Amino acid sequence: MLGLLVPILVSLLSDSTSLPKGNRITKNLHEQALQKLMKIGPKYPEPFRTVIGSSPDLKSRLEGAVRANQASAKQKQPAAQPKVAPTQPSIKLRMDFSNYK
């Protein structure tokens, strides 16, 4: 079954040069196929490796898609999580509780 499913999903992946130029549907299809492949790989590692290893084209397309996905995730990460400086507590305690354990 994986012998049919994995090549079909890999064929739905866009290469890294055409992905930014693609329309919303193409990008969504690429993301969905990549997510499915990322779930199948760890779940069935041996058959997945066998199918991917049988064709150099499948392997290169999958590797390119994973690398592009990791690169775009690294670019999005700093913008999504701004650094917040630690602040002082707003309530001041009257007693010092540092000696209690």
PDB file of N, CA and C in Angstrom:
ATOM      1  N   MET A   1       0.828  -1.196   0.000  1.00  0.00           N
ATOM      2  CA  MET A   1       0.000   0.000   0.000  1.00  0.00           C
ATOM      3  C   MET A   1       0.873   1.261   0.000  1.00  0.00           C
ATOM      4  N   LEU A   2       1.948   1.237   0.815  1.00  0.00           N
ATOM      5  CA  LEU A   2       2.839   2.399   0.840  1.00  0.00           C
ATOM      6  C   LEU A   2       3.542   2.578  -0.492  1.00  0.00           C
ATOM      7  N   GLY A   3       3.695   1.482  -1.240  1.00  0.00           N
ATOM      8  CA  GLY A   3       4.316   1.564  -2.559  1.00  0.00           C
ATOM      9  C   GLY A   3       3.523   2.414  -3.523  1.00  0.00           C
ATOM     10  N   LEU A   4       2.240   2.558  -3.285  1.00  0.00           N
ATOM     11  CA  LEU A   4       1.397   3.421  -4.120  1.00  0.00           C
ATOM     12  C   LEU A   4       1.215   4.802  -3.506  1.00  0.00           C
ATOM     13  N   LEU A   5       1.002   4.843  -2.197  1.00  0.00           N
ATOM     14  CA  LEU A   5       0.678   6.094  -1.524  1.00  0.00           C
ATOM     15  C   LEU A   5       1.853   7.076  -1.503  1.00  0.00           C
ATOM     16  N   VAL A   6       3.028   6.591  -1.156  1.00  0.00           N
ATOM     17  CA  VAL A   6       4.186   7.486  -1.027  1.00  0.00           C
ATOM     18  C   VAL A   6       4.553   8.143  -2.357  1.00  0.00           C
ATOM     19  N   PRO A   7       4.648   7.400  -3.482  1.00  0.00           N
ATOM     20  CA  PRO A   7       4.959   8.099  -4.745  1.00  0.00           C
ATOM     21  C   PRO A   7       3.894   9.111  -5.159  1.00  0.00           C
ATOM     22  N   ILE A   8       2.639   8.824  -4.857  1.00  0.00           N
ATOM     23  CA  ILE A   8       1.584   9.779  -5.193  1.00  0.00           C
ATOM     24  C   ILE A   8       1.746  11.057  -4.368  1.00  0.00           C
ATOM     25  N   LEU A   9       1.989  10.900  -3.067  1.00  0.00           N
ATOM     26  CA  LEU A   9       2.170  12.072  -2.208  1.00  0.00           C
ATOM     27  C   LEU A   9       3.415  12.868  -2.596  1.00  0.00           C
ATOM     28  N   VAL A  10       4.490  12.176  -2.945  1.00  0.00           N
ATOM     29  CA  VAL A  10       5.715  12.872  -3.356  1.00  0.00           C
ATOM     30  C   VAL A  10       5.482  13.621  -4.666  1.00  0.00           C
ATOM     31  N   SER A  11       4.675  13.053  -5.552  1.00  0.00           N
ATOM     32  CA  SER A  11       4.404  13.746  -6.814  1.00  0.00           C
ATOM     33  C   SER A  11       3.591  15.018  -6.604  1.00  0.00           C
ATOM     34  N   LEU A  12       2.884  15.104  -5.490  1.00  0.00           N
ATOM     35  CA  LEU A  12       2.107  16.316  -5.181  1.00  0.00           C
ATOM     36  C   LEU A  12       2.963  17.428  -4.582  1.00  0.00           C
ATOM     37  N   LEU A  13       4.191  17.103  -4.192  1.00  0.00           N
ATOM     38  CA  LEU A  13       5.074  18.116  -3.623  1.00  0.00           C
ATOM     39  C   LEU A  13       5.585  19.046  -4.713  1.00  0.00           C
ATOM     40  N   SER A  14       5.615  20.321  -4.407  1.00  0.00           N
ATOM     41  CA  SER A  14       6.179  21.307  -5.333  1.00  0.00           C
ATOM     42  C   SER A  14       7.657  21.470  -5.023  1.00  0.00           C
ATOM     43  N   ASP A  15       8.448  21.763  -6.033  1.00  0.00           N
ATOM     44  CA  ASP A  15       9.854  22.003  -5.752  1.00  0.00           C
ATOM     45  C   ASP A  15      10.009  23.380  -5.125  1.00  0.00           C
ATOM     46  N   SER A  16      11.134  23.601  -4.475  1.00  0.00           N
ATOM     47  CA  SER A  16      11.320  24.817  -3.687  1.00  0.00           C
ATOM     48  C   SER A  16      11.337  26.081  -4.535  1.00  0.00           C
ATOM     49  N   THR A  17      11.642  25.970  -5.835  1.00  0.00           N
ATOM     50  CA  THR A  17      11.678  27.165  -6.676  1.00  0.00           C
ATOM     51  C   THR A  17      10.281  27.582  -7.126  1.00  0.00           C
ATOM     52  N   SER A  18       9.393  26.620  -7.328  1.00  0.00           N
ATOM     53  CA  SER A  18       8.057  26.972  -7.812  1.00  0.00           C
ATOM     54  C   SER A  18       7.044  27.157  -6.691  1.00  0.00           C
ATOM     55  N   LEU A  19       7.361  26.750  -5.473  1.00  0.00           N
ATOM     56  CA  LEU A  19       6.403  26.864  -4.374  1.00  0.00           C
ATOM     57  C   LEU A  19       6.028  28.313  -4.050  1.00  0.00           C
ATOM     58  N   PRO A  20       6.986  29.233  -3.921  1.00  0.00           N
ATOM     59  CA  PRO A  20       6.578  30.615  -3.628  1.00  0.00           C
ATOM     60  C   PRO A  20       5.739  31.247  -4.743  1.00  0.00           C
ATOM     61  N   LYS A  21       5.910  30.782  -5.969  1.00  0.00           N
ATOM     62  CA  LYS A  21       5.176  31.344  -7.094  1.00  0.00           C
ATOM     63  C   LYS A  21       3.799  30.710  -7.250  1.00  0.00           C
ATOM     64  N   GLY A  22       3.575  29.584  -6.608  1.00  0.00           N
ATOM     65  CA  GLY A  22       2.315  28.855  -6.769  1.00  0.00           C
ATOM     66  C   GLY A  22       1.137  29.563  -6.126  1.00  0.00           C
ATOM     67  N   ASN A  23      -0.044  29.147  -6.539  1.00  0.00           N
ATOM     68  CA  ASN A  23      -1.247  29.746  -5.958  1.00  0.00           C
ATOM     69  C   ASN A  23      -1.565  29.079  -4.617  1.00  0.00           C
ATOM     70  N   ARG A  24      -2.600  29.528  -3.986  1.00  0.00           N
ATOM     71  CA  ARG A  24      -2.980  29.062  -2.651  1.00  0.00           C
ATOM     72  C   ARG A  24      -3.307  27.573  -2.649  1.00  0.00           C
ATOM     73  N   ILE A  25      -3.958  27.083  -3.674  1.00  0.00           N
ATOM     74  CA  ILE A  25      -4.343  25.677  -3.748  1.00  0.00           C
ATOM     75  C   ILE A  25      -3.103  24.794  -3.873  1.00  0.00           C
ATOM     76  N   THR A  26      -2.157  25.205  -4.699  1.00  0.00           N
ATOM     77  CA  THR A  26      -0.920  24.442  -4.871  1.00  0.00           C
ATOM     78  C   THR A  26      -0.129  24.392  -3.569  1.00  0.00           C
ATOM     79  N   LYS A  27      -0.049  25.510  -2.877  1.00  0.00           N
ATOM     80  CA  LYS A  27       0.667  25.548  -1.600  1.00  0.00           C
ATOM     81  C   LYS A  27      -0.018  24.665  -0.567  1.00  0.00           C
ATOM     82  N   ASN A  28      -1.341  24.717  -0.522  1.00  0.00           N
ATOM     83  CA  ASN A  28      -2.094  23.904   0.431  1.00  0.00           C
ATOM     84  C   ASN A  28      -1.917  22.417   0.131  1.00  0.00           C
ATOM     85  N   LEU A  29      -1.964  22.052  -1.138  1.00  0.00           N
ATOM     86  CA  LEU A  29      -1.768  20.663  -1.537  1.00  0.00           C
ATOM     87  C   LEU A  29      -0.364  20.192  -1.168  1.00  0.00           C
ATOM     88  N   HIS A  30       0.624  21.034  -1.387  1.00  0.00           N
ATOM     89  CA  HIS A  30       2.005  20.717  -1.022  1.00  0.00           C
ATOM     90  C   HIS A  30       2.120  20.490   0.491  1.00  0.00           C
ATOM     91  N   GLU A  31       1.555  21.387   1.282  1.00  0.00           N
ATOM     92  CA  GLU A  31       1.632  21.280   2.744  1.00  0.00           C
ATOM     93  C   GLU A  31       0.941  20.021   3.252  1.00  0.00           C
ATOM     94  N   GLN A  32      -0.239  19.725   2.718  1.00  0.00           N
ATOM     95  CA  GLN A  32      -0.978  18.534   3.145  1.00  0.00           C
ATOM     96  C   GLN A  32      -0.210  17.257   2.799  1.00  0.00           C
ATOM     97  N   ALA A  33       0.353  17.191   1.595  1.00  0.00           N
ATOM     98  CA  ALA A  33       1.114  16.006   1.187  1.00  0.00           C
ATOM     99  C   ALA A  33       2.353  15.848   2.057  1.00  0.00           C
ATOM    100  N   LEU A  34       3.032  16.935   2.353  1.00  0.00           N
ATOM    101  CA  LEU A  34       4.232  16.875   3.188  1.00  0.00           C
ATOM    102  C   LEU A  34       3.886  16.437   4.613  1.00  0.00           C
ATOM    103  N   GLN A  35       2.786  16.936   5.145  1.00  0.00           N
ATOM    104  CA  GLN A  35       2.367  16.534   6.489  1.00  0.00           C
ATOM    105  C   GLN A  35       2.044  15.045   6.540  1.00  0.00           C
ATOM    106  N   LYS A  36       1.367  14.534   5.522  1.00  0.00           N
ATOM    107  CA  LYS A  36       1.050  13.100   5.469  1.00  0.00           C
ATOM    108  C   LYS A  36       2.324  12.269   5.410  1.00  0.00           C
ATOM    109  N   LEU A  37       3.276  12.700   4.567  1.00  0.00           N
ATOM    110  CA  LEU A  37       4.535  11.964   4.458  1.00  0.00           C
ATOM    111  C   LEU A  37       5.310  12.000   5.771  1.00  0.00           C
ATOM    112  N   MET A  38       5.269  13.124   6.466  1.00  0.00           N
ATOM    113  CA  MET A  38       5.970  13.240   7.740  1.00  0.00           C
ATOM    114  C   MET A  38       5.324  12.372   8.825  1.00  0.00           C
ATOM    115  N   LYS A  39       4.061  12.039   8.678  1.00  0.00           N
ATOM    116  CA  LYS A  39       3.394  11.130   9.612  1.00  0.00           C
ATOM    117  C   LYS A  39       3.650   9.672   9.248  1.00  0.00           C
ATOM    118  N   ILE A  40       3.688   9.381   7.954  1.00  0.00           N
ATOM    119  CA  ILE A  40       3.865   8.009   7.493  1.00  0.00           C
ATOM    120  C   ILE A  40       5.282   7.516   7.785  1.00  0.00           C
ATOM    121  N   GLY A  41       6.282   8.372   7.573  1.00  0.00           N
ATOM    122  CA  GLY A  41       7.680   7.978   7.748  1.00  0.00           C
ATOM    123  C   GLY A  41       7.990   7.384   9.109  1.00  0.00           C
ATOM    124  N   PRO A  42       7.693   8.090  10.208  1.00  0.00           N
ATOM    125  CA  PRO A  42       7.982   7.521  11.528  1.00  0.00           C
ATOM    126  C   PRO A  42       7.076   6.334  11.900  1.00  0.00           C
ATOM    127  N   LYS A  43       5.895   6.312  11.331  1.00  0.00           N
ATOM    128  CA  LYS A  43       4.952   5.247  11.677  1.00  0.00           C
ATOM    129  C   LYS A  43       5.357   3.911  11.041  1.00  0.00           C
ATOM    130  N   TYR A  44       5.827   3.943   9.805  1.00  0.00           N
ATOM    131  CA  TYR A  44       6.252   2.746   9.075  1.00  0.00           C
ATOM    132  C   TYR A  44       7.654   2.979   8.515  1.00  0.00           C
ATOM    133  N   PRO A  45       8.682   2.978   9.364  1.00  0.00           N
ATOM    134  CA  PRO A  45      10.017   3.397   8.901  1.00  0.00           C
ATOM    135  C   PRO A  45      10.651   2.487   7.851  1.00  0.00           C
ATOM    136  N   GLU A  46      10.591   1.186   8.036  1.00  0.00           N
ATOM    137  CA  GLU A  46      11.253   0.278   7.092  1.00  0.00           C
ATOM    138  C   GLU A  46      10.612   0.297   5.704  1.00  0.00           C
ATOM    139  N   PRO A  47       9.282   0.126   5.600  1.00  0.00           N
ATOM    140  CA  PRO A  47       8.684   0.196   4.252  1.00  0.00           C
ATOM    141  C   PRO A  47       8.839   1.570   3.605  1.00  0.00           C
ATOM    142  N   PHE A  48       8.806   2.614   4.417  1.00  0.00           N
ATOM    143  CA  PHE A  48       8.975   3.970   3.893  1.00  0.00           C
ATOM    144  C   PHE A  48      10.366   4.135   3.288  1.00  0.00           C
ATOM    145  N   ARG A  49      11.390   3.678   4.005  1.00  0.00           N
ATOM    146  CA  ARG A  49      12.756   3.764   3.487  1.00  0.00           C
ATOM    147  C   ARG A  49      12.920   2.949   2.214  1.00  0.00           C
ATOM    148  N   THR A  50      12.264   1.795   2.169  1.00  0.00           N
ATOM    149  CA  THR A  50      12.362   0.939   0.984  1.00  0.00           C
ATOM    150  C   THR A  50      11.765   1.630  -0.236  1.00  0.00           C
ATOM    151  N   VAL A  51      10.593   2.227  -0.059  1.00  0.00           N
ATOM    152  CA  VAL A  51       9.916   2.896  -1.178  1.00  0.00           C
ATOM    153  C   VAL A  51      10.699   4.124  -1.615  1.00  0.00           C
ATOM    154  N   ILE A  52      11.145   4.935  -0.651  1.00  0.00           N
ATOM    155  CA  ILE A  52      11.901   6.150  -0.983  1.00  0.00           C
ATOM    156  C   ILE A  52      13.252   5.780  -1.601  1.00  0.00           C
ATOM    157  N   GLY A  53      13.886   4.740  -1.098  1.00  0.00           N
ATOM    158  CA  GLY A  53      15.185   4.335  -1.616  1.00  0.00           C
ATOM    159  C   GLY A  53      15.121   3.700  -2.995  1.00  0.00           C
ATOM    160  N   SER A  54      13.939   3.243  -3.405  1.00  0.00           N
ATOM    161  CA  SER A  54      13.816   2.584  -4.700  1.00  0.00           C
ATOM    162  C   SER A  54      13.924   3.559  -5.873  1.00  0.00           C
ATOM    163  N   SER A  55      13.676   4.824  -5.629  1.00  0.00           N
ATOM    164  CA  SER A  55      13.731   5.809  -6.706  1.00  0.00           C
ATOM    165  C   SER A  55      14.500   7.044  -6.237  1.00  0.00           C
ATOM    166  N   PRO A  56      15.592   7.381  -6.897  1.00  0.00           N
ATOM    167  CA  PRO A  56      16.350   8.575  -6.506  1.00  0.00           C
ATOM    168  C   PRO A  56      15.545   9.866  -6.680  1.00  0.00           C
ATOM    169  N   ASP A  57      14.620   9.870  -7.638  1.00  0.00           N
ATOM    170  CA  ASP A  57      13.793  11.054  -7.860  1.00  0.00           C
ATOM    171  C   ASP A  57      12.878  11.308  -6.663  1.00  0.00           C
ATOM    172  N   LEU A  58      12.276  10.248  -6.131  1.00  0.00           N
ATOM    173  CA  LEU A  58      11.409  10.398  -4.949  1.00  0.00           C
ATOM    174  C   LEU A  58      12.214  10.943  -3.774  1.00  0.00           C
ATOM    175  N   LYS A  59      13.384  10.375  -3.584  1.00  0.00           N
ATOM    176  CA  LYS A  59      14.220  10.793  -2.456  1.00  0.00           C
ATOM    177  C   LYS A  59      14.634  12.256  -2.578  1.00  0.00           C
ATOM    178  N   SER A  60      15.051  12.664  -3.756  1.00  0.00           N
ATOM    179  CA  SER A  60      15.502  14.051  -3.922  1.00  0.00           C
ATOM    180  C   SER A  60      14.356  15.042  -3.778  1.00  0.00           C
ATOM    181  N   ARG A  61      13.176  14.706  -4.302  1.00  0.00           N
ATOM    182  CA  ARG A  61      12.036  15.624  -4.157  1.00  0.00           C
ATOM    183  C   ARG A  61      11.605  15.747  -2.704  1.00  0.00           C
ATOM    184  N   LEU A  62      11.583  14.618  -1.991  1.00  0.00           N
ATOM    185  CA  LEU A  62      11.187  14.650  -0.581  1.00  0.00           C
ATOM    186  C   LEU A  62      12.211  15.416   0.252  1.00  0.00           C
ATOM    187  N   GLU A  63      13.487  15.180   0.019  1.00  0.00           N
ATOM    188  CA  GLU A  63      14.523  15.897   0.754  1.00  0.00           C
ATOM    189  C   GLU A  63      14.447  17.397   0.492  1.00  0.00           C
ATOM    190  N   GLY A  64      14.235  17.777  -0.753  1.00  0.00           N
ATOM    191  CA  GLY A  64      14.113  19.198  -1.084  1.00  0.00           C
ATOM    192  C   GLY A  64      12.927  19.848  -0.408  1.00  0.00           C
ATOM    193  N   ALA A  65      11.806  19.134  -0.360  1.00  0.00           N
ATOM    194  CA  ALA A  65      10.610  19.682   0.283  1.00  0.00           C
ATOM    195  C   ALA A  65      10.804  19.819   1.788  1.00  0.00           C
ATOM    196  N   VAL A  66      11.453  18.845   2.402  1.00  0.00           N
ATOM    197  CA  VAL A  66      11.683  18.914   3.851  1.00  0.00           C
ATOM    198  C   VAL A  66      12.641  20.049   4.186  1.00  0.00           C
ATOM    199  N   ARG A  67      13.701  20.198   3.387  1.00  0.00           N
ATOM    200  CA  ARG A  67      14.656  21.295   3.622  1.00  0.00           C
ATOM    201  C   ARG A  67      13.993  22.658   3.454  1.00  0.00           C
ATOM    202  N   ALA A  68      13.173  22.795   2.426  1.00  0.00           N
ATOM    203  CA  ALA A  68      12.472  24.070   2.205  1.00  0.00           C
ATOM    204  C   ALA A  68      11.506  24.355   3.349  1.00  0.00           C
ATOM    205  N   ASN A  69      10.855  23.320   3.852  1.00  0.00           N
ATOM    206  CA  ASN A  69       9.917  23.483   4.960  1.00  0.00           C
ATOM    207  C   ASN A  69      10.659  23.910   6.230  1.00  0.00           C
ATOM    208  N   GLN A  70      11.816  23.313   6.493  1.00  0.00           N
ATOM    209  CA  GLN A  70      12.606  23.691   7.662  1.00  0.00           C
ATOM    210  C   GLN A  70      13.144  25.111   7.538  1.00  0.00           C
ATOM    211  N   ALA A  71      13.544  25.491   6.342  1.00  0.00           N
ATOM    212  CA  ALA A  71      14.051  26.845   6.136  1.00  0.00           C
ATOM    213  C   ALA A  71      12.949  27.883   6.337  1.00  0.00           C
ATOM    214  N   SER A  72      11.764  27.594   5.845  1.00  0.00           N
ATOM    215  CA  SER A  72      10.665  28.551   6.026  1.00  0.00           C
ATOM    216  C   SER A  72      10.217  28.604   7.482  1.00  0.00           C
ATOM    217  N   ALA A  73      10.323  27.489   8.195  1.00  0.00           N
ATOM    218  CA  ALA A  73       9.973  27.485   9.611  1.00  0.00           C
ATOM    219  C   ALA A  73      10.959  28.311  10.420  1.00  0.00           C
ATOM    220  N   LYS A  74      12.239  28.256  10.054  1.00  0.00           N
ATOM    221  CA  LYS A  74      13.247  29.057  10.752  1.00  0.00           C
ATOM    222  C   LYS A  74      13.032  30.542  10.500  1.00  0.00           C
ATOM    223  N   GLN A  75      12.586  30.896   9.297  1.00  0.00           N
ATOM    224  CA  GLN A  75      12.349  32.302   8.986  1.00  0.00           C
ATOM    225  C   GLN A  75      11.133  32.827   9.730  1.00  0.00           C
ATOM    226  N   LYS A  76      10.137  31.994   9.912  1.00  0.00           N
ATOM    227  CA  LYS A  76       8.906  32.422  10.584  1.00  0.00           C
ATOM    228  C   LYS A  76       9.059  32.443  12.100  1.00  0.00           C
ATOM    229  N   GLN A  77       9.924  31.626  12.656  1.00  0.00           N
ATOM    230  CA  GLN A  77      10.043  31.477  14.096  1.00  0.00           C
ATOM    231  C   GLN A  77      10.404  32.764  14.835  1.00  0.00           C
ATOM    232  N   PRO A  78      11.433  33.517  14.452  1.00  0.00           N
ATOM    233  CA  PRO A  78      11.753  34.727  15.213  1.00  0.00           C
ATOM    234  C   PRO A  78      10.646  35.785  15.156  1.00  0.00           C
ATOM    235  N   ALA A  79       9.948  35.883  14.055  1.00  0.00           N
ATOM    236  CA  ALA A  79       8.895  36.881  13.946  1.00  0.00           C
ATOM    237  C   ALA A  79       7.678  36.499  14.783  1.00  0.00           C
ATOM    238  N   ALA A  80       7.433  35.215  14.948  1.00  0.00           N
ATOM    239  CA  ALA A  80       6.251  34.761  15.670  1.00  0.00           C
ATOM    240  C   ALA A  80       6.427  34.860  17.185  1.00  0.00           C
ATOM    241  N   GLN A  81       7.668  34.758  17.676  1.00  0.00           N
ATOM    242  CA  GLN A  81       7.898  34.761  19.108  1.00  0.00           C
ATOM    243  C   GLN A  81       8.842  35.886  19.507  1.00  0.00           C
ATOM    244  N   PRO A  82       8.297  37.075  19.766  1.00  0.00           N
ATOM    245  CA  PRO A  82       9.183  38.152  20.195  1.00  0.00           C
ATOM    246  C   PRO A  82       9.688  37.878  21.616  1.00  0.00           C
ATOM    247  N   LYS A  83      10.905  38.318  21.891  1.00  0.00           N
ATOM    248  CA  LYS A  83      11.480  38.100  23.208  1.00  0.00           C
ATOM    249  C   LYS A  83      10.859  39.074  24.196  1.00  0.00           C
ATOM    250  N   VAL A  84      10.478  38.529  25.340  1.00  0.00           N
ATOM    251  CA  VAL A  84       9.859  39.331  26.386  1.00  0.00           C
ATOM    252  C   VAL A  84      10.834  39.389  27.555  1.00  0.00           C
ATOM    253  N   ALA A  85      11.148  40.593  27.994  1.00  0.00           N
ATOM    254  CA  ALA A  85      12.049  40.772  29.119  1.00  0.00           C
ATOM    255  C   ALA A  85      11.313  40.418  30.412  1.00  0.00           C
ATOM    256  N   PRO A  86      11.989  39.749  31.340  1.00  0.00           N
ATOM    257  CA  PRO A  86      11.333  39.433  32.609  1.00  0.00           C
ATOM    258  C   PRO A  86      11.015  40.717  33.367  1.00  0.00           C
ATOM    259  N   THR A  87       9.869  40.753  33.962  1.00  0.00           N
ATOM    260  CA  THR A  87       9.435  41.948  34.690  1.00  0.00           C
ATOM    261  C   THR A  87       9.418  41.665  36.183  1.00  0.00           C
ATOM    262  N   GLN A  88       9.429  42.715  36.938  1.00  0.00           N
ATOM    263  CA  GLN A  88       9.328  42.598  38.390  1.00  0.00           C
ATOM    264  C   GLN A  88       7.893  42.249  38.765  1.00  0.00           C
ATOM    265  N   PRO A  89       7.711  41.492  39.828  1.00  0.00           N
ATOM    266  CA  PRO A  89       6.340  41.185  40.246  1.00  0.00           C
ATOM    267  C   PRO A  89       5.606  42.467  40.645  1.00  0.00           C
ATOM    268  N   SER A  90       4.332  42.482  40.371  1.00  0.00           N
ATOM    269  CA  SER A  90       3.560  43.686  40.664  1.00  0.00           C
ATOM    270  C   SER A  90       3.160  43.771  42.130  1.00  0.00           C
ATOM    271  N   ILE A  91       3.230  42.650  42.854  1.00  0.00           N
ATOM    272  CA  ILE A  91       2.881  42.655  44.276  1.00  0.00           C
ATOM    273  C   ILE A  91       4.158  42.497  45.087  1.00  0.00           C
ATOM    274  N   LYS A  92       4.393  43.408  45.975  1.00  0.00           N
ATOM    275  CA  LYS A  92       5.545  43.334  46.852  1.00  0.00           C
ATOM    276  C   LYS A  92       5.137  42.611  48.131  1.00  0.00           C
ATOM    277  N   LEU A  93       5.946  41.634  48.523  1.00  0.00           N
ATOM    278  CA  LEU A  93       5.683  40.908  49.760  1.00  0.00           C
ATOM    279  C   LEU A  93       6.324  41.651  50.928  1.00  0.00           C
ATOM    280  N   ARG A  94       5.650  41.637  52.061  1.00  0.00           N
ATOM    281  CA  ARG A  94       6.171  42.326  53.232  1.00  0.00           C
ATOM    282  C   ARG A  94       7.169  41.457  53.990  1.00  0.00           C
ATOM    283  N   MET A  95       7.021  40.133  53.863  1.00  0.00           N
ATOM    284  CA  MET A  95       7.924  39.213  54.544  1.00  0.00           C
ATOM    285  C   MET A  95       8.878  38.585  53.548  1.00  0.00           C
ATOM    286  N   ASP A  96      10.028  38.198  54.019  1.00  0.00           N
ATOM    287  CA  ASP A  96      10.998  37.513  53.196  1.00  0.00           C
ATOM    288  C   ASP A  96      10.820  36.005  53.449  1.00  0.00           C
ATOM    289  N   PHE A  97      10.393  35.265  52.417  1.00  0.00           N
ATOM    290  CA  PHE A  97      10.142  33.834  52.545  1.00  0.00           C
ATOM    291  C   PHE A  97      11.295  32.985  52.030  1.00  0.00           C
ATOM    292  N   SER A  98      12.439  33.551  51.816  1.00  0.00           N
ATOM    293  CA  SER A  98      13.561  32.817  51.239  1.00  0.00           C
ATOM    294  C   SER A  98      14.147  31.786  52.205  1.00  0.00           C
ATOM    295  N   ASN A  99      13.938  31.930  53.502  1.00  0.00           N
ATOM    296  CA  ASN A  99      14.496  30.975  54.466  1.00  0.00           C
ATOM    297  C   ASN A  99      13.630  29.726  54.615  1.00  0.00           C
ATOM    298  N   TYR A 100      12.401  29.750  54.138  1.00  0.00           N
ATOM    299  CA  TYR A 100      11.507  28.601  54.290  1.00  0.00           C
ATOM    300  C   TYR A 100      11.738  27.629  53.135  1.00  0.00           C
ATOM    301  N   LYS A 101      11.810  26.340  53.477  1.00  0.00           N
ATOM    302  CA  LYS A 101      12.009  25.325  52.447  1.00  0.00           C
ATOM    303  C   LYS A 101      10.943  24.280  52.522  1.00  0.00           C
TER     304      LYS A 101
END
